[in-house]
Amino acid sequence: MYQFYEIVGSEKPIYVTKPEGYLSYEEVPNGDLVNYEEIGYLEIIENGVKLYEPLYVREGE
């Protein structure tokens, strides 16, 4: 997970609900990110702090 200052300037969208078909790191089969592209971030509030979880989609989909 990232803090806002780590993703600021990225042109990737930030979502408050995870779009259908997008995967978190834990959902990527075998954690194999070679065939997946980071396409955005999911905003999560943890202990009052906003954090941003990368979202992935299989390349070419």
N, C-alpha and C. Protein backbone atom coordinates (compact mmCIF):
# COMPACT_ATOMS: atom_id res chain seq x y z
N MET A 1 0.85 -1.17 0.00
CA MET A 1 0.00 0.00 0.00
C MET A 1 0.89 1.24 0.00
N TYR A 2 0.35 2.27 -0.57
CA TYR A 2 1.09 3.51 -0.69
C TYR A 2 0.38 4.62 0.09
N GLN A 3 1.14 5.65 0.45
CA GLN A 3 0.55 6.87 0.98
C GLN A 3 0.39 7.81 -0.21
N PHE A 4 -0.44 8.84 -0.03
CA PHE A 4 -0.76 9.73 -1.14
C PHE A 4 0.47 10.34 -1.79
N TYR A 5 1.45 10.76 -0.98
CA TYR A 5 2.63 11.41 -1.56
C TYR A 5 3.41 10.46 -2.47
N GLU A 6 3.20 9.15 -2.32
CA GLU A 6 3.91 8.18 -3.15
C GLU A 6 3.26 7.99 -4.53
N ILE A 7 2.00 8.39 -4.66
CA ILE A 7 1.31 8.22 -5.95
C ILE A 7 0.96 9.55 -6.60
N VAL A 8 1.17 10.66 -5.90
CA VAL A 8 0.85 11.96 -6.45
C VAL A 8 1.65 12.15 -7.75
N GLY A 9 0.99 12.66 -8.77
CA GLY A 9 1.62 12.83 -10.06
C GLY A 9 1.36 11.67 -11.00
N SER A 10 0.90 10.58 -10.44
CA SER A 10 0.53 9.44 -11.29
C SER A 10 -0.75 9.79 -12.03
N GLU A 11 -0.84 9.37 -13.26
CA GLU A 11 -2.06 9.64 -14.02
C GLU A 11 -3.07 8.52 -13.85
N LYS A 12 -2.75 7.55 -13.01
CA LYS A 12 -3.66 6.42 -12.79
C LYS A 12 -4.81 6.86 -11.89
N PRO A 13 -6.01 6.36 -12.16
CA PRO A 13 -7.17 6.78 -11.37
C PRO A 13 -7.16 6.20 -9.95
N ILE A 14 -7.86 6.91 -9.06
CA ILE A 14 -8.04 6.47 -7.68
C ILE A 14 -9.53 6.15 -7.52
N TYR A 15 -9.81 4.96 -7.02
CA TYR A 15 -11.19 4.50 -6.82
C TYR A 15 -11.49 4.38 -5.34
N VAL A 16 -12.75 4.60 -4.96
CA VAL A 16 -13.17 4.39 -3.57
C VAL A 16 -13.85 3.04 -3.42
N THR A 17 -14.30 2.45 -4.52
CA THR A 17 -14.79 1.07 -4.54
C THR A 17 -14.07 0.35 -5.67
N LYS A 18 -13.72 -0.89 -5.43
CA LYS A 18 -12.94 -1.64 -6.42
C LYS A 18 -13.81 -2.00 -7.62
N PRO A 19 -13.42 -1.58 -8.81
CA PRO A 19 -14.18 -1.92 -10.02
C PRO A 19 -14.11 -3.43 -10.30
N GLU A 20 -15.18 -3.94 -10.86
CA GLU A 20 -15.24 -5.36 -11.21
C GLU A 20 -14.14 -5.68 -12.23
N GLY A 21 -13.48 -6.79 -12.04
CA GLY A 21 -12.44 -7.22 -12.97
C GLY A 21 -11.04 -6.75 -12.59
N TYR A 22 -10.92 -5.84 -11.65
CA TYR A 22 -9.61 -5.37 -11.20
C TYR A 22 -9.20 -6.22 -10.00
N LEU A 23 -7.92 -6.49 -9.89
CA LEU A 23 -7.40 -7.36 -8.84
C LEU A 23 -6.46 -6.61 -7.91
N SER A 24 -6.50 -6.97 -6.64
CA SER A 24 -5.49 -6.47 -5.70
C SER A 24 -4.30 -7.42 -5.79
N TYR A 25 -3.20 -7.07 -5.15
CA TYR A 25 -2.01 -7.91 -5.18
C TYR A 25 -2.32 -9.32 -4.69
N GLU A 26 -3.10 -9.41 -3.61
CA GLU A 26 -3.43 -10.70 -3.02
C GLU A 26 -4.25 -11.57 -3.97
N GLU A 27 -4.95 -10.95 -4.90
CA GLU A 27 -5.82 -11.68 -5.83
C GLU A 27 -5.12 -12.09 -7.12
N VAL A 28 -3.93 -11.56 -7.37
CA VAL A 28 -3.17 -11.94 -8.56
C VAL A 28 -2.68 -13.37 -8.35
N PRO A 29 -3.00 -14.28 -9.28
CA PRO A 29 -2.60 -15.68 -9.10
C PRO A 29 -1.10 -15.83 -8.86
N ASN A 30 -0.75 -16.50 -7.78
CA ASN A 30 0.65 -16.77 -7.39
C ASN A 30 1.49 -15.51 -7.23
N GLY A 31 0.85 -14.35 -7.08
CA GLY A 31 1.60 -13.10 -6.96
C GLY A 31 2.46 -12.81 -8.18
N ASP A 32 2.10 -13.41 -9.31
CA ASP A 32 2.86 -13.29 -10.56
C ASP A 32 2.48 -12.02 -11.30
N LEU A 33 3.17 -10.94 -11.03
CA LEU A 33 2.83 -9.65 -11.63
C LEU A 33 3.41 -9.45 -13.03
N VAL A 34 4.18 -10.41 -13.53
CA VAL A 34 4.80 -10.27 -14.85
C VAL A 34 3.75 -10.07 -15.93
N ASN A 35 2.61 -10.75 -15.82
CA ASN A 35 1.57 -10.67 -16.84
C ASN A 35 0.46 -9.68 -16.49
N TYR A 36 0.67 -8.88 -15.45
CA TYR A 36 -0.35 -7.94 -15.00
C TYR A 36 0.17 -6.51 -15.02
N GLU A 37 -0.73 -5.59 -15.27
CA GLU A 37 -0.39 -4.17 -15.34
C GLU A 37 -1.09 -3.43 -14.20
N GLU A 38 -0.35 -2.56 -13.51
CA GLU A 38 -0.94 -1.73 -12.47
C GLU A 38 -1.74 -0.63 -13.16
N ILE A 39 -3.05 -0.56 -12.90
CA ILE A 39 -3.90 0.35 -13.67
C ILE A 39 -4.58 1.42 -12.82
N GLY A 40 -4.42 1.37 -11.51
CA GLY A 40 -5.05 2.36 -10.66
C GLY A 40 -4.83 2.03 -9.20
N TYR A 41 -5.54 2.76 -8.34
CA TYR A 41 -5.38 2.59 -6.90
C TYR A 41 -6.75 2.59 -6.23
N LEU A 42 -6.85 1.78 -5.19
CA LEU A 42 -8.05 1.73 -4.37
C LEU A 42 -7.76 2.45 -3.06
N GLU A 43 -8.55 3.49 -2.78
CA GLU A 43 -8.36 4.25 -1.55
C GLU A 43 -8.95 3.48 -0.38
N ILE A 44 -8.13 3.27 0.64
CA ILE A 44 -8.55 2.56 1.85
C ILE A 44 -8.20 3.43 3.04
N ILE A 45 -9.12 3.53 3.99
CA ILE A 45 -8.84 4.29 5.21
C ILE A 45 -8.54 3.29 6.31
N GLU A 46 -7.33 3.36 6.83
CA GLU A 46 -6.87 2.44 7.86
C GLU A 46 -6.37 3.25 9.05
N ASN A 47 -7.02 3.08 10.19
CA ASN A 47 -6.67 3.84 11.40
C ASN A 47 -6.71 5.35 11.15
N GLY A 48 -7.67 5.80 10.37
CA GLY A 48 -7.83 7.21 10.09
C GLY A 48 -6.87 7.77 9.05
N VAL A 49 -6.07 6.91 8.44
CA VAL A 49 -5.09 7.33 7.44
C VAL A 49 -5.51 6.78 6.09
N LYS A 50 -5.51 7.63 5.06
CA LYS A 50 -5.82 7.18 3.71
C LYS A 50 -4.60 6.49 3.11
N LEU A 51 -4.82 5.26 2.66
CA LEU A 51 -3.79 4.49 1.99
C LEU A 51 -4.32 4.08 0.62
N TYR A 52 -3.40 3.75 -0.27
CA TYR A 52 -3.78 3.46 -1.65
C TYR A 52 -3.19 2.12 -2.07
N GLU A 53 -4.09 1.17 -2.36
CA GLU A 53 -3.70 -0.17 -2.76
C GLU A 53 -3.68 -0.26 -4.29
N PRO A 54 -2.58 -0.73 -4.86
CA PRO A 54 -2.52 -0.86 -6.31
C PRO A 54 -3.57 -1.86 -6.82
N LEU A 55 -4.12 -1.58 -7.97
CA LEU A 55 -5.06 -2.48 -8.64
C LEU A 55 -4.44 -2.92 -9.96
N TYR A 56 -4.68 -4.17 -10.30
CA TYR A 56 -4.07 -4.77 -11.47
C TYR A 56 -5.11 -5.36 -12.40
N VAL A 57 -4.72 -5.48 -13.66
CA VAL A 57 -5.51 -6.16 -14.67
C VAL A 57 -4.52 -6.93 -15.54
N ARG A 58 -4.96 -8.08 -16.01
CA ARG A 58 -4.09 -8.89 -16.87
C ARG A 58 -3.80 -8.12 -18.16
N GLU A 59 -2.55 -8.07 -18.56
CA GLU A 59 -2.17 -7.32 -19.77
C GLU A 59 -2.94 -7.84 -20.98
N GLY A 60 -3.44 -6.91 -21.78
CA GLY A 60 -4.16 -7.26 -22.98
C GLY A 60 -5.66 -7.43 -22.77
N GLU A 61 -6.14 -7.25 -21.55
CA GLU A 61 -7.58 -7.39 -21.29
C GLU A 61 -8.22 -6.02 -21.12
